[in-house]
Amino acid sequence: MDVERLPSGKFQTNALVLRNAMLAFNILRKIGCDLLSFPGDLPVKFDVGRRRIKSVIQNIVGVAGKLVKTGGRTMLKISRKCPWFDPFERLFASYC
């Protein structure tokens, strides 16, 4: 989460940064744990015995996408060629 060095000398500012980092990490961890519940959809480069939550979170963060605002709607666009597209789409559908 890159919060090894805090940005300010003020305690309240650093507390706010740490709370936001904690919230972001917990959301990513929840998404990663939910993605692990779809083992057949997860792309693998080689045969592994089990998937670690750390590697799943790193792969989620590394997915390239863009936020598009058009026609009064905001959409997240991810390329269908991305190996994480199908698990991400299935997870999104389960949240909605």
N, C-alpha and C. Protein backbone atom coordinates (compact mmCIF):
# COMPACT_ATOMS: atom_id res chain seq x y z
N MET A 1 0.83 -1.19 0.00
CA MET A 1 0.00 0.00 0.00
C MET A 1 0.87 1.25 0.00
N ASP A 2 2.18 1.08 0.12
CA ASP A 2 3.15 2.17 0.04
C ASP A 2 2.92 3.23 1.12
N VAL A 3 2.71 2.80 2.33
CA VAL A 3 2.56 3.73 3.44
C VAL A 3 3.68 3.53 4.47
N GLU A 4 4.85 3.08 3.99
CA GLU A 4 5.97 2.90 4.90
C GLU A 4 6.44 4.25 5.44
N ARG A 5 6.41 5.25 4.57
CA ARG A 5 6.78 6.60 4.99
C ARG A 5 5.52 7.45 4.95
N LEU A 6 5.18 8.03 6.07
CA LEU A 6 3.97 8.82 6.15
C LEU A 6 4.21 10.22 5.55
N PRO A 7 3.19 10.80 4.93
CA PRO A 7 3.40 12.01 4.13
C PRO A 7 3.54 13.31 4.92
N SER A 8 3.18 13.32 6.17
CA SER A 8 3.12 14.58 6.89
C SER A 8 3.72 14.45 8.27
N GLY A 9 4.01 15.60 8.86
CA GLY A 9 4.48 15.62 10.24
C GLY A 9 3.33 15.76 11.22
N LYS A 10 2.13 15.94 10.68
CA LYS A 10 0.97 16.11 11.55
C LYS A 10 0.30 14.76 11.80
N PHE A 11 -0.03 14.52 13.04
CA PHE A 11 -0.61 13.24 13.42
C PHE A 11 -1.96 13.00 12.75
N GLN A 12 -2.83 14.01 12.70
CA GLN A 12 -4.18 13.82 12.14
C GLN A 12 -4.12 13.49 10.65
N THR A 13 -3.21 14.11 9.92
CA THR A 13 -3.06 13.81 8.49
C THR A 13 -2.59 12.38 8.30
N ASN A 14 -1.59 11.97 9.08
CA ASN A 14 -1.09 10.60 8.97
C ASN A 14 -2.14 9.58 9.38
N ALA A 15 -2.95 9.90 10.38
CA ALA A 15 -4.02 8.99 10.80
C ALA A 15 -5.03 8.81 9.68
N LEU A 16 -5.36 9.90 8.97
CA LEU A 16 -6.29 9.81 7.85
C LEU A 16 -5.71 8.96 6.72
N VAL A 17 -4.43 9.14 6.42
CA VAL A 17 -3.78 8.34 5.37
C VAL A 17 -3.79 6.87 5.75
N LEU A 18 -3.49 6.56 6.99
CA LEU A 18 -3.48 5.16 7.44
C LEU A 18 -4.88 4.54 7.41
N ARG A 19 -5.90 5.31 7.78
CA ARG A 19 -7.27 4.79 7.70
C ARG A 19 -7.67 4.49 6.27
N ASN A 20 -7.32 5.39 5.35
CA ASN A 20 -7.65 5.16 3.94
C ASN A 20 -6.89 3.95 3.38
N ALA A 21 -5.62 3.81 3.75
CA ALA A 21 -4.84 2.65 3.30
C ALA A 21 -5.42 1.36 3.87
N MET A 22 -5.86 1.39 5.14
CA MET A 22 -6.47 0.21 5.76
C MET A 22 -7.76 -0.16 5.03
N LEU A 23 -8.57 0.83 4.71
CA LEU A 23 -9.82 0.58 3.99
C LEU A 23 -9.55 0.00 2.61
N ALA A 24 -8.59 0.58 1.88
CA ALA A 24 -8.26 0.07 0.54
C ALA A 24 -7.73 -1.36 0.61
N PHE A 25 -6.87 -1.64 1.58
CA PHE A 25 -6.32 -2.99 1.71
C PHE A 25 -7.40 -4.00 2.04
N ASN A 26 -8.30 -3.64 2.95
CA ASN A 26 -9.38 -4.57 3.31
C ASN A 26 -10.32 -4.84 2.15
N ILE A 27 -10.60 -3.82 1.34
CA ILE A 27 -11.43 -4.03 0.15
C ILE A 27 -10.73 -4.94 -0.84
N LEU A 28 -9.43 -4.71 -1.08
CA LEU A 28 -8.67 -5.58 -1.99
C LEU A 28 -8.60 -7.01 -1.45
N ARG A 29 -8.46 -7.16 -0.16
CA ARG A 29 -8.40 -8.50 0.43
C ARG A 29 -9.74 -9.22 0.26
N LYS A 30 -10.85 -8.51 0.46
CA LYS A 30 -12.18 -9.11 0.26
C LYS A 30 -12.36 -9.53 -1.20
N ILE A 31 -11.97 -8.66 -2.12
CA ILE A 31 -12.07 -9.00 -3.55
C ILE A 31 -11.21 -10.22 -3.86
N GLY A 32 -9.98 -10.24 -3.31
CA GLY A 32 -9.09 -11.38 -3.55
C GLY A 32 -9.63 -12.68 -3.00
N CYS A 33 -10.19 -12.63 -1.80
CA CYS A 33 -10.78 -13.84 -1.21
C CYS A 33 -11.98 -14.31 -2.01
N ASP A 34 -12.79 -13.38 -2.49
CA ASP A 34 -13.94 -13.76 -3.31
C ASP A 34 -13.51 -14.33 -4.66
N LEU A 35 -12.42 -13.80 -5.23
CA LEU A 35 -11.92 -14.35 -6.49
C LEU A 35 -11.39 -15.77 -6.30
N LEU A 36 -10.84 -16.07 -5.15
CA LEU A 36 -10.35 -17.42 -4.89
C LEU A 36 -11.47 -18.44 -4.83
N SER A 37 -12.71 -17.97 -4.68
CA SER A 37 -13.84 -18.90 -4.66
C SER A 37 -14.23 -19.35 -6.07
N PHE A 38 -13.60 -18.77 -7.12
CA PHE A 38 -13.81 -19.19 -8.51
C PHE A 38 -12.52 -19.81 -9.04
N PRO A 39 -12.09 -20.96 -8.52
CA PRO A 39 -10.77 -21.49 -8.91
C PRO A 39 -10.66 -21.88 -10.37
N GLY A 40 -11.76 -22.25 -11.01
CA GLY A 40 -11.71 -22.64 -12.41
C GLY A 40 -11.50 -21.48 -13.36
N ASP A 41 -11.87 -20.28 -12.95
CA ASP A 41 -11.76 -19.11 -13.82
C ASP A 41 -10.42 -18.39 -13.72
N LEU A 42 -9.66 -18.65 -12.66
CA LEU A 42 -8.42 -17.90 -12.45
C LEU A 42 -7.36 -18.33 -13.45
N PRO A 43 -6.73 -17.35 -14.11
CA PRO A 43 -5.66 -17.70 -15.05
C PRO A 43 -4.41 -18.12 -14.30
N VAL A 44 -3.76 -19.16 -14.77
CA VAL A 44 -2.52 -19.62 -14.16
C VAL A 44 -1.45 -19.75 -15.23
N LYS A 45 -0.22 -19.35 -14.89
CA LYS A 45 0.88 -19.49 -15.83
C LYS A 45 1.48 -20.89 -15.78
N PHE A 46 1.39 -21.49 -14.61
CA PHE A 46 1.87 -22.86 -14.43
C PHE A 46 1.03 -23.53 -13.37
N ASP A 47 1.10 -24.83 -13.30
CA ASP A 47 0.26 -25.58 -12.36
C ASP A 47 0.72 -25.30 -10.93
N VAL A 48 -0.21 -24.82 -10.11
CA VAL A 48 0.12 -24.51 -8.72
C VAL A 48 -0.82 -25.29 -7.81
N GLY A 49 -0.33 -25.60 -6.63
CA GLY A 49 -1.13 -26.33 -5.67
C GLY A 49 -2.22 -25.46 -5.05
N ARG A 50 -1.85 -24.23 -4.72
CA ARG A 50 -2.84 -23.31 -4.16
C ARG A 50 -2.47 -21.89 -4.55
N ARG A 51 -3.46 -21.01 -4.56
CA ARG A 51 -3.24 -19.61 -4.89
C ARG A 51 -3.14 -18.81 -3.59
N ARG A 52 -2.15 -17.97 -3.51
CA ARG A 52 -1.99 -17.12 -2.33
C ARG A 52 -2.75 -15.82 -2.53
N ILE A 53 -3.32 -15.31 -1.46
CA ILE A 53 -4.10 -14.08 -1.53
C ILE A 53 -3.22 -12.91 -1.97
N LYS A 54 -1.94 -12.93 -1.57
CA LYS A 54 -1.03 -11.84 -1.95
C LYS A 54 -0.85 -11.76 -3.46
N SER A 55 -0.65 -12.92 -4.11
CA SER A 55 -0.46 -12.91 -5.56
C SER A 55 -1.75 -12.54 -6.29
N VAL A 56 -2.89 -12.94 -5.76
CA VAL A 56 -4.16 -12.57 -6.38
C VAL A 56 -4.38 -11.06 -6.28
N ILE A 57 -4.08 -10.47 -5.12
CA ILE A 57 -4.21 -9.02 -4.96
C ILE A 57 -3.26 -8.29 -5.92
N GLN A 58 -2.03 -8.77 -6.05
CA GLN A 58 -1.08 -8.14 -6.98
C GLN A 58 -1.58 -8.22 -8.42
N ASN A 59 -2.17 -9.34 -8.79
CA ASN A 59 -2.70 -9.47 -10.15
C ASN A 59 -3.91 -8.57 -10.37
N ILE A 60 -4.75 -8.40 -9.36
CA ILE A 60 -5.91 -7.51 -9.49
C ILE A 60 -5.45 -6.07 -9.67
N VAL A 61 -4.47 -5.65 -8.86
CA VAL A 61 -3.97 -4.28 -8.95
C VAL A 61 -3.32 -4.05 -10.31
N GLY A 62 -2.73 -5.07 -10.88
CA GLY A 62 -2.05 -4.93 -12.17
C GLY A 62 -2.95 -4.97 -13.39
N VAL A 63 -4.24 -5.16 -13.22
CA VAL A 63 -5.15 -5.18 -14.36
C VAL A 63 -5.28 -3.77 -14.92
N ALA A 64 -5.05 -3.65 -16.22
CA ALA A 64 -5.15 -2.35 -16.87
C ALA A 64 -6.61 -2.07 -17.23
N GLY A 65 -7.05 -0.90 -16.93
CA GLY A 65 -8.42 -0.50 -17.25
C GLY A 65 -8.51 1.01 -17.34
N LYS A 66 -9.62 1.49 -17.81
CA LYS A 66 -9.82 2.93 -17.84
C LYS A 66 -11.24 3.26 -17.43
N LEU A 67 -11.37 4.39 -16.79
CA LEU A 67 -12.66 4.88 -16.32
C LEU A 67 -13.21 5.80 -17.40
N VAL A 68 -14.39 5.46 -17.93
CA VAL A 68 -14.98 6.21 -19.04
C VAL A 68 -16.30 6.81 -18.57
N LYS A 69 -16.45 8.11 -18.80
CA LYS A 69 -17.71 8.80 -18.49
C LYS A 69 -18.34 9.21 -19.80
N THR A 70 -19.50 8.64 -20.09
CA THR A 70 -20.20 8.96 -21.32
C THR A 70 -21.69 8.81 -21.12
N GLY A 71 -22.44 9.71 -21.68
CA GLY A 71 -23.90 9.62 -21.62
C GLY A 71 -24.45 9.62 -20.20
N GLY A 72 -23.79 10.32 -19.29
CA GLY A 72 -24.26 10.36 -17.92
C GLY A 72 -23.95 9.10 -17.12
N ARG A 73 -23.17 8.18 -17.69
CA ARG A 73 -22.79 6.95 -17.00
C ARG A 73 -21.29 6.89 -16.83
N THR A 74 -20.85 6.24 -15.79
CA THR A 74 -19.44 6.01 -15.56
C THR A 74 -19.19 4.51 -15.63
N MET A 75 -18.23 4.11 -16.48
CA MET A 75 -17.95 2.69 -16.69
C MET A 75 -16.47 2.42 -16.50
N LEU A 76 -16.15 1.22 -16.05
CA LEU A 76 -14.79 0.75 -15.99
C LEU A 76 -14.59 -0.20 -17.16
N LYS A 77 -13.69 0.15 -18.07
CA LYS A 77 -13.45 -0.69 -19.24
C LYS A 77 -12.16 -1.48 -19.06
N ILE A 78 -12.27 -2.78 -19.26
CA ILE A 78 -11.14 -3.70 -19.20
C ILE A 78 -11.13 -4.48 -20.50
N SER A 79 -9.95 -4.66 -21.08
CA SER A 79 -9.84 -5.39 -22.34
C SER A 79 -10.28 -6.84 -22.17
N ARG A 80 -11.02 -7.35 -23.14
CA ARG A 80 -11.44 -8.75 -23.08
C ARG A 80 -10.26 -9.71 -23.28
N LYS A 81 -9.15 -9.20 -23.78
CA LYS A 81 -7.97 -10.03 -23.95
C LYS A 81 -7.22 -10.25 -22.63
N CYS A 82 -7.56 -9.46 -21.62
CA CYS A 82 -6.92 -9.59 -20.31
C CYS A 82 -7.30 -10.94 -19.71
N PRO A 83 -6.32 -11.71 -19.21
CA PRO A 83 -6.66 -13.02 -18.64
C PRO A 83 -7.52 -12.94 -17.38
N TRP A 84 -7.57 -11.78 -16.74
CA TRP A 84 -8.36 -11.61 -15.52
C TRP A 84 -9.74 -11.05 -15.82
N PHE A 85 -10.11 -10.88 -17.10
CA PHE A 85 -11.40 -10.29 -17.44
C PHE A 85 -12.57 -11.16 -16.97
N ASP A 86 -12.55 -12.44 -17.29
CA ASP A 86 -13.66 -13.33 -16.94
C ASP A 86 -13.87 -13.45 -15.42
N PRO A 87 -12.79 -13.69 -14.62
CA PRO A 87 -13.03 -13.73 -13.17
C PRO A 87 -13.51 -12.38 -12.62
N PHE A 88 -12.97 -11.29 -13.15
CA PHE A 88 -13.37 -9.96 -12.69
C PHE A 88 -14.83 -9.70 -13.02
N GLU A 89 -15.26 -10.08 -14.22
CA GLU A 89 -16.65 -9.88 -14.63
C GLU A 89 -17.60 -10.74 -13.78
N ARG A 90 -17.20 -11.98 -13.52
CA ARG A 90 -18.03 -12.87 -12.69
C ARG A 90 -18.14 -12.35 -11.26
N LEU A 91 -17.04 -11.83 -10.72
CA LEU A 91 -17.05 -11.25 -9.39
C LEU A 91 -17.94 -10.01 -9.35
N PHE A 92 -17.84 -9.17 -10.36
CA PHE A 92 -18.68 -7.96 -10.43
C PHE A 92 -20.15 -8.33 -10.46
N ALA A 93 -20.49 -9.37 -11.24
CA ALA A 93 -21.89 -9.81 -11.34
C ALA A 93 -22.36 -10.36 -9.98
N SER A 94 -21.47 -10.99 -9.23
CA SER A 94 -21.89 -11.51 -7.92
C SER A 94 -22.10 -10.40 -6.90
N TYR A 95 -21.43 -9.27 -7.06
CA TYR A 95 -21.60 -8.13 -6.16
C TYR A 95 -22.86 -7.34 -6.48
N CYS A 96 -23.29 -7.37 -7.73
CA CYS A 96 -24.46 -6.56 -8.13
C CYS A 96 -25.78 -7.23 -7.82
